[in-house]
Amino acid sequence: MKGYVLEKAGLKVSNLHIAQVKDKHGLEKRENYNLPKSNDARQPKCPEEKKKAIEDALMYFQMI
């Protein structure tokens, strides 16, 4: 999916951004083994342009 977004939109997206968009659409995700050390750690939010590109990729791969 990262490769598709890079090719079509020219944006590099992280696994975190993909997971946030999947969560927004209620898609199943794998367990995260890279957990934060503190419970109140903040996660950066996915920018709108990347969110749109990831949603386009999810539609292309028929996941939404």
PDB file of N, CA and C in Angstrom:
ATOM      1  N   MET A   1       0.824  -1.182   0.000  1.00  0.00           N
ATOM      2  CA  MET A   1       0.000   0.000   0.000  1.00  0.00           C
ATOM      3  C   MET A   1       0.876   1.257   0.000  1.00  0.00           C
ATOM      4  N   LYS A   2       1.989   1.206   0.741  1.00  0.00           N
ATOM      5  CA  LYS A   2       2.898   2.356   0.762  1.00  0.00           C
ATOM      6  C   LYS A   2       3.399   2.672  -0.643  1.00  0.00           C
ATOM      7  N   GLY A   3       3.750   1.628  -1.388  1.00  0.00           N
ATOM      8  CA  GLY A   3       4.246   1.808  -2.747  1.00  0.00           C
ATOM      9  C   GLY A   3       3.198   2.413  -3.662  1.00  0.00           C
ATOM     10  N   TYR A   4       1.951   1.986  -3.516  1.00  0.00           N
ATOM     11  CA  TYR A   4       0.867   2.510  -4.342  1.00  0.00           C
ATOM     12  C   TYR A   4       0.670   3.999  -4.072  1.00  0.00           C
ATOM     13  N   VAL A   5       0.647   4.381  -2.780  1.00  0.00           N
ATOM     14  CA  VAL A   5       0.450   5.789  -2.424  1.00  0.00           C
ATOM     15  C   VAL A   5       1.621   6.630  -2.936  1.00  0.00           C
ATOM     16  N   LEU A   6       2.838   6.111  -2.811  1.00  0.00           N
ATOM     17  CA  LEU A   6       4.013   6.844  -3.292  1.00  0.00           C
ATOM     18  C   LEU A   6       3.951   7.034  -4.806  1.00  0.00           C
ATOM     19  N   GLU A   7       3.551   5.984  -5.525  1.00  0.00           N
ATOM     20  CA  GLU A   7       3.488   6.055  -6.987  1.00  0.00           C
ATOM     21  C   GLU A   7       2.380   6.983  -7.468  1.00  0.00           C
ATOM     22  N   LYS A   8       1.192   6.872  -6.891  1.00  0.00           N
ATOM     23  CA  LYS A   8       0.035   7.625  -7.381  1.00  0.00           C
ATOM     24  C   LYS A   8      -0.017   9.052  -6.852  1.00  0.00           C
ATOM     25  N   ALA A   9       0.303   9.250  -5.554  1.00  0.00           N
ATOM     26  CA  ALA A   9       0.157  10.572  -4.949  1.00  0.00           C
ATOM     27  C   ALA A   9       1.497  11.247  -4.684  1.00  0.00           C
ATOM     28  N   GLY A  10       2.587  10.485  -4.770  1.00  0.00           N
ATOM     29  CA  GLY A  10       3.895  11.062  -4.502  1.00  0.00           C
ATOM     30  C   GLY A  10       4.128  11.355  -3.031  1.00  0.00           C
ATOM     31  N   LEU A  11       3.409  10.649  -2.157  1.00  0.00           N
ATOM     32  CA  LEU A  11       3.526  10.870  -0.713  1.00  0.00           C
ATOM     33  C   LEU A  11       4.060   9.624  -0.032  1.00  0.00           C
ATOM     34  N   LYS A  12       4.926   9.827   0.943  1.00  0.00           N
ATOM     35  CA  LYS A  12       5.389   8.716   1.761  1.00  0.00           C
ATOM     36  C   LYS A  12       4.498   8.656   2.994  1.00  0.00           C
ATOM     37  N   VAL A  13       3.901   7.496   3.235  1.00  0.00           N
ATOM     38  CA  VAL A  13       3.030   7.330   4.395  1.00  0.00           C
ATOM     39  C   VAL A  13       3.629   6.280   5.321  1.00  0.00           C
ATOM     40  N   SER A  14       3.347   6.428   6.605  1.00  0.00           N
ATOM     41  CA  SER A  14       3.871   5.487   7.595  1.00  0.00           C
ATOM     42  C   SER A  14       2.812   4.437   7.926  1.00  0.00           C
ATOM     43  N   ASN A  15       3.252   3.386   8.576  1.00  0.00           N
ATOM     44  CA  ASN A  15       2.318   2.359   9.040  1.00  0.00           C
ATOM     45  C   ASN A  15       1.314   2.954  10.015  1.00  0.00           C
ATOM     46  N   LEU A  16       1.747   3.928  10.813  1.00  0.00           N
ATOM     47  CA  LEU A  16       0.851   4.586  11.764  1.00  0.00           C
ATOM     48  C   LEU A  16      -0.286   5.279  11.027  1.00  0.00           C
ATOM     49  N   HIS A  17       0.030   5.999   9.964  1.00  0.00           N
ATOM     50  CA  HIS A  17      -1.009   6.696   9.200  1.00  0.00           C
ATOM     51  C   HIS A  17      -1.988   5.705   8.580  1.00  0.00           C
ATOM     52  N   ILE A  18      -1.477   4.615   8.030  1.00  0.00           N
ATOM     53  CA  ILE A  18      -2.342   3.594   7.434  1.00  0.00           C
ATOM     54  C   ILE A  18      -3.246   2.993   8.502  1.00  0.00           C
ATOM     55  N   ALA A  19      -2.692   2.705   9.675  1.00  0.00           N
ATOM     56  CA  ALA A  19      -3.478   2.122  10.766  1.00  0.00           C
ATOM     57  C   ALA A  19      -4.564   3.080  11.234  1.00  0.00           C
ATOM     58  N   GLN A  20      -4.261   4.371  11.298  1.00  0.00           N
ATOM     59  CA  GLN A  20      -5.265   5.348  11.727  1.00  0.00           C
ATOM     60  C   GLN A  20      -6.427   5.415  10.741  1.00  0.00           C
ATOM     61  N   VAL A  21      -6.138   5.366   9.453  1.00  0.00           N
ATOM     62  CA  VAL A  21      -7.204   5.410   8.444  1.00  0.00           C
ATOM     63  C   VAL A  21      -8.007   4.112   8.479  1.00  0.00           C
ATOM     64  N   LYS A  22      -7.331   2.973   8.641  1.00  0.00           N
ATOM     65  CA  LYS A  22      -8.047   1.698   8.753  1.00  0.00           C
ATOM     66  C   LYS A  22      -8.965   1.711   9.969  1.00  0.00           C
ATOM     67  N   ASP A  23      -8.484   2.261  11.082  1.00  0.00           N
ATOM     68  CA  ASP A  23      -9.283   2.338  12.300  1.00  0.00           C
ATOM     69  C   ASP A  23     -10.512   3.219  12.076  1.00  0.00           C
ATOM     70  N   LYS A  24     -10.338   4.312  11.358  1.00  0.00           N
ATOM     71  CA  LYS A  24     -11.449   5.219  11.054  1.00  0.00           C
ATOM     72  C   LYS A  24     -12.556   4.499  10.290  1.00  0.00           C
ATOM     73  N   HIS A  25     -12.165   3.571   9.407  1.00  0.00           N
ATOM     74  CA  HIS A  25     -13.137   2.843   8.589  1.00  0.00           C
ATOM     75  C   HIS A  25     -13.540   1.504   9.204  1.00  0.00           C
ATOM     76  N   GLY A  26     -13.044   1.197  10.393  1.00  0.00           N
ATOM     77  CA  GLY A  26     -13.430  -0.031  11.081  1.00  0.00           C
ATOM     78  C   GLY A  26     -12.812  -1.288  10.512  1.00  0.00           C
ATOM     79  N   LEU A  27     -11.692  -1.164   9.818  1.00  0.00           N
ATOM     80  CA  LEU A  27     -11.026  -2.334   9.250  1.00  0.00           C
ATOM     81  C   LEU A  27     -10.164  -3.018  10.303  1.00  0.00           C
ATOM     82  N   GLU A  28     -10.005  -4.322  10.133  1.00  0.00           N
ATOM     83  CA  GLU A  28      -9.231  -5.118  11.082  1.00  0.00           C
ATOM     84  C   GLU A  28      -7.744  -4.825  10.931  1.00  0.00           C
ATOM     85  N   LYS A  29      -7.070  -4.702  12.075  1.00  0.00           N
ATOM     86  CA  LYS A  29      -5.631  -4.459  12.082  1.00  0.00           C
ATOM     87  C   LYS A  29      -4.950  -5.560  12.869  1.00  0.00           C
ATOM     88  N   ARG A  30      -3.656  -5.712  12.616  1.00  0.00           N
ATOM     89  CA  ARG A  30      -2.879  -6.674  13.391  1.00  0.00           C
ATOM     90  C   ARG A  30      -2.521  -6.066  14.738  1.00  0.00           C
ATOM     91  N   GLU A  31      -2.100  -6.926  15.669  1.00  0.00           N
ATOM     92  CA  GLU A  31      -1.678  -6.457  16.983  1.00  0.00           C
ATOM     93  C   GLU A  31      -0.389  -5.656  16.852  1.00  0.00           C
ATOM     94  N   ASN A  32      -0.297  -4.577  17.623  1.00  0.00           N
ATOM     95  CA  ASN A  32       0.891  -3.732  17.610  1.00  0.00           C
ATOM     96  C   ASN A  32       1.861  -4.219  18.682  1.00  0.00           C
ATOM     97  N   TYR A  33       3.040  -4.639  18.263  1.00  0.00           N
ATOM     98  CA  TYR A  33       4.042  -5.114  19.213  1.00  0.00           C
ATOM     99  C   TYR A  33       4.983  -4.003  19.648  1.00  0.00           C
ATOM    100  N   ASN A  34       4.930  -2.874  18.991  1.00  0.00           N
ATOM    101  CA  ASN A  34       5.783  -1.739  19.311  1.00  0.00           C
ATOM    102  C   ASN A  34       4.984  -0.756  20.164  1.00  0.00           C
ATOM    103  N   LEU A  35       4.748  -1.111  21.413  1.00  0.00           N
ATOM    104  CA  LEU A  35       3.904  -0.314  22.292  1.00  0.00           C
ATOM    105  C   LEU A  35       4.698   0.816  22.939  1.00  0.00           C
ATOM    106  N   PRO A  36       4.030   1.956  23.241  1.00  0.00           N
ATOM    107  CA  PRO A  36       4.726   3.062  23.903  1.00  0.00           C
ATOM    108  C   PRO A  36       5.080   2.697  25.343  1.00  0.00           C
ATOM    109  N   LYS A  37       6.116   3.350  25.859  1.00  0.00           N
ATOM    110  CA  LYS A  37       6.553   3.071  27.224  1.00  0.00           C
ATOM    111  C   LYS A  37       5.584   3.637  28.256  1.00  0.00           C
ATOM    112  N   SER A  38       4.924   4.744  27.935  1.00  0.00           N
ATOM    113  CA  SER A  38       3.957   5.330  28.862  1.00  0.00           C
ATOM    114  C   SER A  38       2.559   5.265  28.255  1.00  0.00           C
ATOM    115  N   ASN A  39       1.570   5.211  29.110  1.00  0.00           N
ATOM    116  CA  ASN A  39       0.184   5.088  28.645  1.00  0.00           C
ATOM    117  C   ASN A  39      -0.354   6.385  28.052  1.00  0.00           C
ATOM    118  N   ASP A  40       0.238   7.527  28.432  1.00  0.00           N
ATOM    119  CA  ASP A  40      -0.282   8.809  27.957  1.00  0.00           C
ATOM    120  C   ASP A  40       0.537   9.381  26.793  1.00  0.00           C
ATOM    121  N   ALA A  41       1.263   8.521  26.089  1.00  0.00           N
ATOM    122  CA  ALA A  41       2.064   8.976  24.947  1.00  0.00           C
ATOM    123  C   ALA A  41       1.138   9.424  23.814  1.00  0.00           C
ATOM    124  N   ARG A  42       1.476  10.562  23.218  1.00  0.00           N
ATOM    125  CA  ARG A  42       0.658  11.092  22.121  1.00  0.00           C
ATOM    126  C   ARG A  42       1.114  10.508  20.790  1.00  0.00           C
ATOM    127  N   GLN A  43       0.154  10.254  19.932  1.00  0.00           N
ATOM    128  CA  GLN A  43       0.455   9.782  18.583  1.00  0.00           C
ATOM    129  C   GLN A  43       0.223  10.932  17.612  1.00  0.00           C
ATOM    130  N   PRO A  44       1.127  11.118  16.660  1.00  0.00           N
ATOM    131  CA  PRO A  44       0.883  12.154  15.651  1.00  0.00           C
ATOM    132  C   PRO A  44      -0.327  11.776  14.791  1.00  0.00           C
ATOM    133  N   LYS A  45      -1.105  12.765  14.418  1.00  0.00           N
ATOM    134  CA  LYS A  45      -2.295  12.530  13.596  1.00  0.00           C
ATOM    135  C   LYS A  45      -1.925  12.545  12.118  1.00  0.00           C
ATOM    136  N   CYS A  46      -2.657  11.794  11.359  1.00  0.00           N
ATOM    137  CA  CYS A  46      -2.427  11.688   9.916  1.00  0.00           C
ATOM    138  C   CYS A  46      -2.903  12.971   9.227  1.00  0.00           C
ATOM    139  N   PRO A  47      -2.040  13.622   8.429  1.00  0.00           N
ATOM    140  CA  PRO A  47      -2.462  14.818   7.687  1.00  0.00           C
ATOM    141  C   PRO A  47      -3.573  14.484   6.687  1.00  0.00           C
ATOM    142  N   GLU A  48      -4.415  15.468   6.411  1.00  0.00           N
ATOM    143  CA  GLU A  48      -5.580  15.259   5.538  1.00  0.00           C
ATOM    144  C   GLU A  48      -5.184  14.772   4.142  1.00  0.00           C
ATOM    145  N   GLU A  49      -4.119  15.335   3.562  1.00  0.00           N
ATOM    146  CA  GLU A  49      -3.742  14.918   2.198  1.00  0.00           C
ATOM    147  C   GLU A  49      -3.295  13.459   2.179  1.00  0.00           C
ATOM    148  N   LYS A  50      -2.617  13.016   3.222  1.00  0.00           N
ATOM    149  CA  LYS A  50      -2.194  11.615   3.289  1.00  0.00           C
ATOM    150  C   LYS A  50      -3.388  10.714   3.573  1.00  0.00           C
ATOM    151  N   LYS A  51      -4.319  11.194   4.398  1.00  0.00           N
ATOM    152  CA  LYS A  51      -5.525  10.419   4.704  1.00  0.00           C
ATOM    153  C   LYS A  51      -6.310  10.146   3.421  1.00  0.00           C
ATOM    154  N   LYS A  52      -6.447  11.170   2.574  1.00  0.00           N
ATOM    155  CA  LYS A  52      -7.171  11.016   1.307  1.00  0.00           C
ATOM    156  C   LYS A  52      -6.449  10.035   0.389  1.00  0.00           C
ATOM    157  N   ALA A  53      -5.119  10.124   0.325  1.00  0.00           N
ATOM    158  CA  ALA A  53      -4.343   9.222  -0.532  1.00  0.00           C
ATOM    159  C   ALA A  53      -4.460   7.781  -0.046  1.00  0.00           C
ATOM    160  N   ILE A  54      -4.460   7.574   1.270  1.00  0.00           N
ATOM    161  CA  ILE A  54      -4.590   6.220   1.828  1.00  0.00           C
ATOM    162  C   ILE A  54      -5.987   5.679   1.559  1.00  0.00           C
ATOM    163  N   GLU A  55      -7.009   6.526   1.699  1.00  0.00           N
ATOM    164  CA  GLU A  55      -8.375   6.088   1.406  1.00  0.00           C
ATOM    165  C   GLU A  55      -8.512   5.702  -0.065  1.00  0.00           C
ATOM    166  N   ASP A  56      -7.879   6.451  -0.958  1.00  0.00           N
ATOM    167  CA  ASP A  56      -7.896   6.095  -2.385  1.00  0.00           C
ATOM    168  C   ASP A  56      -7.238   4.734  -2.606  1.00  0.00           C
ATOM    169  N   ALA A  57      -6.133   4.480  -1.898  1.00  0.00           N
ATOM    170  CA  ALA A  57      -5.448   3.188  -2.014  1.00  0.00           C
ATOM    171  C   ALA A  57      -6.322   2.063  -1.472  1.00  0.00           C
ATOM    172  N   LEU A  58      -7.013   2.296  -0.366  1.00  0.00           N
ATOM    173  CA  LEU A  58      -7.903   1.276   0.194  1.00  0.00           C
ATOM    174  C   LEU A  58      -9.031   0.950  -0.784  1.00  0.00           C
ATOM    175  N   MET A  59      -9.546   1.974  -1.471  1.00  0.00           N
ATOM    176  CA  MET A  59     -10.583   1.733  -2.478  1.00  0.00           C
ATOM    177  C   MET A  59     -10.005   0.958  -3.661  1.00  0.00           C
ATOM    178  N   TYR A  60      -8.786   1.298  -4.078  1.00  0.00           N
ATOM    179  CA  TYR A  60      -8.140   0.602  -5.190  1.00  0.00           C
ATOM    180  C   TYR A  60      -7.969  -0.879  -4.869  1.00  0.00           C
ATOM    181  N   PHE A  61      -7.569  -1.186  -3.628  1.00  0.00           N
ATOM    182  CA  PHE A  61      -7.374  -2.575  -3.211  1.00  0.00           C
ATOM    183  C   PHE A  61      -8.670  -3.220  -2.715  1.00  0.00           C
ATOM    184  N   GLN A  62      -9.802  -2.536  -2.907  1.00  0.00           N
ATOM    185  CA  GLN A  62     -11.144  -3.025  -2.567  1.00  0.00           C
ATOM    186  C   GLN A  62     -11.262  -3.429  -1.102  1.00  0.00           C
ATOM    187  N   MET A  63     -10.699  -2.605  -0.235  1.00  0.00           N
ATOM    188  CA  MET A  63     -10.803  -2.857   1.202  1.00  0.00           C
ATOM    189  C   MET A  63     -11.928  -2.028   1.813  1.00  0.00           C
ATOM    190  N   ILE A  64     -12.315  -0.938   1.128  1.00  0.00           N
ATOM    191  CA  ILE A  64     -13.469  -0.140   1.563  1.00  0.00           C
ATOM    192  C   ILE A  64     -14.329   0.154   0.353  1.00  0.00           C
TER     193      ILE A  64
END
